[in-house]
Structure formats: structure tokens, C-alpha cells
């Protein structure tokens, strides 16, 4: 399956990288990038690997590490996976906008 990044997913992904660059070392940046790639590859092989959201049954949450997750949807008809947004797990979940 092909993975399609929404503009919001790109922005929030780079926001995480910017945060890591300002507050951590290159090692943490590389680890986040590698973990993200591992999770994306796992989703390509098995799109349903992560659980669906309790509020939005068509949206799934993939955990990258203890601090970061991303949300995605699966379009089986067109064989595409759409990345919606990355999210800092330390934030208030009510601040997450998926629609």
C-alpha cells in the first residue's frame, strides 16, 4: 500500500523534529526518524496493525514512542494509507483535531 502524507502530517512531523533539534541531540532526532520509518513499514505490511479510535472508527493511532503518535486512515479500495497528523502524547487529547 502507498502512504500519502497530508499537509498537516508533514507540518506536525517537522514540528516534532524542530522540537527535538532545539531540546535534544541528533541521536534523539535520528531515533525518532528511524522509529517513524519502522512503524510506517509495519503499517504498509499490515495496515490494520494499530487500534481504531474510540471516537472515529475509520481512524487508527500508531505509537512511534512514548511521547509521539500519529493518526492514519486506510483506503483499501485504492490501496492507500493516509497519514493525518502527528501528536505529542503529553498534550491534552482534547486539543487533537482529526476532522
N, C-alpha and C. Protein backbone atom coordinates (compact mmCIF):
# COMPACT_ATOMS: atom_id res chain seq x y z
N UNK A 1 0.85 -1.19 0.00
CA UNK A 1 0.00 0.00 0.00
C UNK A 1 0.89 1.25 0.00
N UNK A 2 0.39 2.27 -0.66
CA UNK A 2 1.09 3.54 -0.72
C UNK A 2 0.69 4.41 0.47
N UNK A 3 1.66 5.10 1.04
CA UNK A 3 1.39 6.01 2.15
C UNK A 3 1.37 7.44 1.61
N UNK A 4 0.28 8.14 1.90
CA UNK A 4 0.10 9.52 1.47
C UNK A 4 0.13 10.41 2.72
N UNK A 5 1.02 11.38 2.72
CA UNK A 5 1.13 12.32 3.84
C UNK A 5 0.24 13.53 3.58
N UNK A 6 -0.64 13.84 4.52
CA UNK A 6 -1.40 15.08 4.42
C UNK A 6 -0.47 16.24 4.74
N UNK A 7 -0.87 17.44 4.38
CA UNK A 7 -0.04 18.61 4.70
C UNK A 7 0.09 18.76 6.21
N UNK A 8 -0.98 18.46 6.94
CA UNK A 8 -0.93 18.55 8.41
C UNK A 8 0.04 17.52 8.98
N UNK A 9 0.07 16.33 8.41
CA UNK A 9 1.01 15.31 8.89
C UNK A 9 2.44 15.76 8.67
N UNK A 10 2.72 16.34 7.52
CA UNK A 10 4.08 16.86 7.25
C UNK A 10 4.46 17.95 8.24
N UNK A 11 3.56 18.89 8.44
CA UNK A 11 3.84 20.01 9.35
C UNK A 11 4.08 19.51 10.76
N UNK A 12 3.21 18.63 11.25
CA UNK A 12 3.35 18.16 12.64
C UNK A 12 4.57 17.25 12.80
N UNK A 13 4.93 16.50 11.75
CA UNK A 13 6.15 15.68 11.78
C UNK A 13 7.37 16.58 11.92
N UNK A 14 7.43 17.63 11.11
CA UNK A 14 8.57 18.55 11.18
C UNK A 14 8.56 19.37 12.45
N UNK A 15 7.39 19.61 13.03
CA UNK A 15 7.32 20.27 14.34
C UNK A 15 8.01 19.41 15.39
N UNK A 16 7.79 18.11 15.35
CA UNK A 16 8.47 17.20 16.29
C UNK A 16 9.97 17.26 16.07
N UNK A 17 10.40 17.21 14.82
CA UNK A 17 11.84 17.28 14.52
C UNK A 17 12.44 18.60 15.00
N UNK A 18 11.72 19.70 14.80
CA UNK A 18 12.20 21.01 15.27
C UNK A 18 12.33 21.02 16.78
N UNK A 19 11.35 20.48 17.46
CA UNK A 19 11.40 20.40 18.92
C UNK A 19 12.61 19.59 19.38
N UNK A 20 12.82 18.45 18.76
CA UNK A 20 13.96 17.61 19.13
C UNK A 20 15.28 18.32 18.86
N UNK A 21 15.35 19.03 17.77
CA UNK A 21 16.58 19.75 17.42
C UNK A 21 16.90 20.83 18.45
N UNK A 22 15.87 21.50 18.94
CA UNK A 22 16.07 22.58 19.91
C UNK A 22 16.35 22.07 21.32
N UNK A 23 15.81 20.91 21.65
CA UNK A 23 15.86 20.47 23.05
C UNK A 23 16.64 19.18 23.29
N UNK A 24 17.01 18.48 22.26
CA UNK A 24 17.67 17.20 22.43
C UNK A 24 18.89 17.12 21.51
N UNK A 25 19.41 15.94 21.31
CA UNK A 25 20.59 15.77 20.48
C UNK A 25 20.22 15.15 19.14
N UNK A 26 21.20 15.09 18.26
CA UNK A 26 20.98 14.47 16.95
C UNK A 26 20.62 12.99 17.10
N UNK A 27 21.09 12.37 18.17
CA UNK A 27 20.76 10.97 18.43
C UNK A 27 19.25 10.78 18.57
N UNK A 28 18.59 11.65 19.32
CA UNK A 28 17.14 11.55 19.51
C UNK A 28 16.39 11.85 18.21
N UNK A 29 16.90 12.78 17.44
CA UNK A 29 16.27 13.08 16.14
C UNK A 29 16.33 11.85 15.25
N UNK A 30 17.51 11.24 15.18
CA UNK A 30 17.69 10.04 14.36
C UNK A 30 16.81 8.89 14.86
N UNK A 31 16.72 8.71 16.18
CA UNK A 31 15.88 7.65 16.74
C UNK A 31 14.42 7.86 16.39
N UNK A 32 13.94 9.10 16.50
CA UNK A 32 12.54 9.39 16.16
C UNK A 32 12.29 9.09 14.68
N UNK A 33 13.19 9.54 13.84
CA UNK A 33 13.04 9.31 12.40
C UNK A 33 13.02 7.81 12.09
N UNK A 34 13.95 7.07 12.68
CA UNK A 34 14.02 5.63 12.44
C UNK A 34 12.80 4.90 12.97
N UNK A 35 12.33 5.27 14.15
CA UNK A 35 11.13 4.64 14.71
C UNK A 35 9.90 4.93 13.85
N UNK A 36 9.83 6.16 13.35
CA UNK A 36 8.72 6.51 12.47
C UNK A 36 8.74 5.64 11.22
N UNK A 37 9.93 5.47 10.62
CA UNK A 37 10.07 4.63 9.42
C UNK A 37 9.69 3.18 9.72
N UNK A 38 10.09 2.66 10.88
CA UNK A 38 9.74 1.29 11.26
C UNK A 38 8.23 1.12 11.37
N UNK A 39 7.57 2.07 12.01
CA UNK A 39 6.12 1.99 12.17
C UNK A 39 5.43 2.10 10.82
N UNK A 40 5.90 3.01 9.96
CA UNK A 40 5.29 3.15 8.63
C UNK A 40 5.45 1.87 7.81
N UNK A 41 6.61 1.25 7.89
CA UNK A 41 6.82 -0.01 7.17
C UNK A 41 5.93 -1.12 7.70
N UNK A 42 5.72 -1.14 9.02
CA UNK A 42 4.82 -2.14 9.62
C UNK A 42 3.39 -1.91 9.13
N UNK A 43 2.99 -0.66 9.02
CA UNK A 43 1.64 -0.34 8.55
C UNK A 43 1.48 -0.71 7.08
N UNK A 44 2.52 -0.50 6.29
CA UNK A 44 2.45 -0.90 4.87
C UNK A 44 2.19 -2.40 4.73
N UNK A 45 2.85 -3.18 5.58
CA UNK A 45 2.68 -4.64 5.53
C UNK A 45 1.35 -5.09 6.10
N UNK A 46 0.90 -4.41 7.15
CA UNK A 46 -0.34 -4.79 7.82
C UNK A 46 -1.06 -3.51 8.29
N UNK A 47 -1.83 -2.88 7.42
CA UNK A 47 -2.46 -1.59 7.75
C UNK A 47 -3.34 -1.60 9.00
N UNK A 48 -3.91 -2.74 9.33
CA UNK A 48 -4.80 -2.81 10.49
C UNK A 48 -4.09 -3.13 11.78
N UNK A 49 -2.78 -3.02 11.81
CA UNK A 49 -1.99 -3.43 12.98
C UNK A 49 -2.29 -2.59 14.23
N UNK A 50 -2.66 -1.33 14.06
CA UNK A 50 -2.91 -0.46 15.20
C UNK A 50 -4.41 -0.30 15.43
N UNK A 51 -4.79 -0.02 16.68
CA UNK A 51 -6.22 0.04 17.02
C UNK A 51 -6.93 1.26 16.45
N UNK A 52 -8.23 1.10 16.25
CA UNK A 52 -9.05 2.21 15.79
C UNK A 52 -9.36 3.15 16.96
N UNK A 53 -9.64 4.37 16.63
CA UNK A 53 -10.01 5.37 17.62
C UNK A 53 -11.39 5.04 18.19
N UNK A 54 -11.59 5.34 19.45
CA UNK A 54 -12.90 5.08 20.06
C UNK A 54 -13.96 6.05 19.53
N UNK A 55 -13.53 7.25 19.12
CA UNK A 55 -14.48 8.25 18.62
C UNK A 55 -14.65 8.20 17.11
N UNK A 56 -13.59 7.83 16.41
CA UNK A 56 -13.61 7.83 14.95
C UNK A 56 -13.17 6.44 14.46
N UNK A 57 -14.12 5.61 14.15
CA UNK A 57 -13.84 4.21 13.81
C UNK A 57 -13.00 4.02 12.55
N UNK A 58 -12.91 5.04 11.71
CA UNK A 58 -12.12 4.92 10.49
C UNK A 58 -10.67 5.40 10.68
N UNK A 59 -10.36 5.92 11.87
CA UNK A 59 -9.03 6.46 12.14
C UNK A 59 -8.30 5.56 13.13
N UNK A 60 -7.03 5.30 12.84
CA UNK A 60 -6.19 4.48 13.71
C UNK A 60 -5.05 5.31 14.28
N UNK A 61 -4.59 4.91 15.47
CA UNK A 61 -3.49 5.60 16.15
C UNK A 61 -2.28 4.68 16.22
N UNK A 62 -1.17 5.15 15.67
CA UNK A 62 0.08 4.40 15.71
C UNK A 62 1.04 5.10 16.69
N UNK A 63 1.57 4.35 17.63
CA UNK A 63 2.50 4.90 18.60
C UNK A 63 3.92 4.76 18.06
N UNK A 64 4.62 5.90 17.96
CA UNK A 64 6.00 5.91 17.49
C UNK A 64 6.93 5.68 18.68
N UNK A 65 6.71 6.42 19.75
CA UNK A 65 7.45 6.25 21.01
C UNK A 65 6.55 6.76 22.13
N UNK A 66 7.06 6.77 23.35
CA UNK A 66 6.17 7.12 24.47
C UNK A 66 5.64 8.55 24.37
N UNK A 67 6.32 9.42 23.61
CA UNK A 67 5.90 10.81 23.51
C UNK A 67 5.14 11.16 22.23
N UNK A 68 5.21 10.31 21.22
CA UNK A 68 4.66 10.67 19.92
C UNK A 68 3.85 9.55 19.28
N UNK A 69 2.76 9.97 18.66
CA UNK A 69 1.90 9.06 17.91
C UNK A 69 1.52 9.75 16.61
N UNK A 70 0.96 8.99 15.69
CA UNK A 70 0.34 9.61 14.54
C UNK A 70 -0.95 8.88 14.23
N UNK A 71 -1.81 9.57 13.51
CA UNK A 71 -3.12 9.03 13.17
C UNK A 71 -3.20 8.85 11.66
N UNK A 72 -3.89 7.79 11.27
CA UNK A 72 -3.99 7.48 9.84
C UNK A 72 -5.31 6.78 9.54
N UNK A 73 -5.66 6.80 8.25
CA UNK A 73 -6.82 6.07 7.77
C UNK A 73 -6.38 5.15 6.65
N UNK A 74 -7.18 4.13 6.42
CA UNK A 74 -6.88 3.14 5.38
C UNK A 74 -7.95 3.23 4.29
N UNK A 75 -7.49 3.30 3.05
CA UNK A 75 -8.39 3.26 1.90
C UNK A 75 -8.07 1.95 1.16
N UNK A 76 -8.75 0.88 1.54
CA UNK A 76 -8.49 -0.43 0.95
C UNK A 76 -8.83 -0.47 -0.54
N UNK A 77 -9.85 0.26 -0.93
CA UNK A 77 -10.30 0.26 -2.32
C UNK A 77 -9.19 0.76 -3.26
N UNK A 78 -8.50 1.83 -2.83
CA UNK A 78 -7.44 2.42 -3.65
C UNK A 78 -6.04 2.02 -3.19
N UNK A 79 -5.96 1.12 -2.22
CA UNK A 79 -4.68 0.66 -1.66
C UNK A 79 -3.80 1.81 -1.20
N UNK A 80 -4.39 2.69 -0.38
CA UNK A 80 -3.64 3.84 0.13
C UNK A 80 -3.86 3.97 1.64
N UNK A 81 -2.83 4.48 2.28
CA UNK A 81 -2.88 4.81 3.70
C UNK A 81 -2.64 6.31 3.80
N UNK A 82 -3.52 7.01 4.48
CA UNK A 82 -3.42 8.46 4.59
C UNK A 82 -2.98 8.83 6.00
N UNK A 83 -1.80 9.47 6.11
CA UNK A 83 -1.34 9.98 7.40
C UNK A 83 -2.03 11.31 7.65
N UNK A 84 -2.66 11.44 8.81
CA UNK A 84 -3.45 12.63 9.10
C UNK A 84 -2.67 13.66 9.90
N UNK A 85 -2.05 13.22 11.00
CA UNK A 85 -1.33 14.15 11.86
C UNK A 85 -0.46 13.39 12.86
N UNK A 86 0.60 14.04 13.30
CA UNK A 86 1.41 13.53 14.41
C UNK A 86 0.91 14.25 15.66
N UNK A 87 1.10 13.60 16.82
CA UNK A 87 0.57 14.15 18.05
C UNK A 87 1.52 13.85 19.20
N UNK A 88 1.78 14.87 20.01
CA UNK A 88 2.59 14.72 21.22
C UNK A 88 1.69 14.14 22.30
N UNK A 89 1.98 12.93 22.75
CA UNK A 89 1.13 12.23 23.71
C UNK A 89 1.04 12.92 25.06
N UNK A 90 1.92 13.88 25.31
CA UNK A 90 1.89 14.60 26.59
C UNK A 90 0.86 15.73 26.56
N UNK A 91 0.33 16.05 25.40
CA UNK A 91 -0.68 17.10 25.28
C UNK A 91 -2.04 16.59 25.73
N UNK A 92 -2.92 17.53 25.98
CA UNK A 92 -4.30 17.20 26.31
C UNK A 92 -4.95 16.59 25.07
N UNK A 93 -5.47 15.37 25.16
CA UNK A 93 -6.10 14.72 23.99
C UNK A 93 -7.25 15.55 23.40
N UNK A 94 -7.86 16.42 24.21
CA UNK A 94 -8.97 17.23 23.69
C UNK A 94 -8.48 18.26 22.68
N UNK A 95 -7.16 18.54 22.68
CA UNK A 95 -6.62 19.51 21.72
C UNK A 95 -6.41 18.89 20.33
N UNK A 96 -6.56 17.60 20.23
CA UNK A 96 -6.36 16.91 18.95
C UNK A 96 -7.55 17.13 18.03
N UNK A 97 -7.25 17.61 16.83
CA UNK A 97 -8.29 17.84 15.83
C UNK A 97 -8.06 16.88 14.67
N UNK A 98 -8.94 15.91 14.50
CA UNK A 98 -8.80 14.92 13.44
C UNK A 98 -9.72 15.19 12.27
N UNK A 99 -10.62 16.10 12.39
CA UNK A 99 -11.59 16.31 11.32
C UNK A 99 -11.22 17.50 10.47
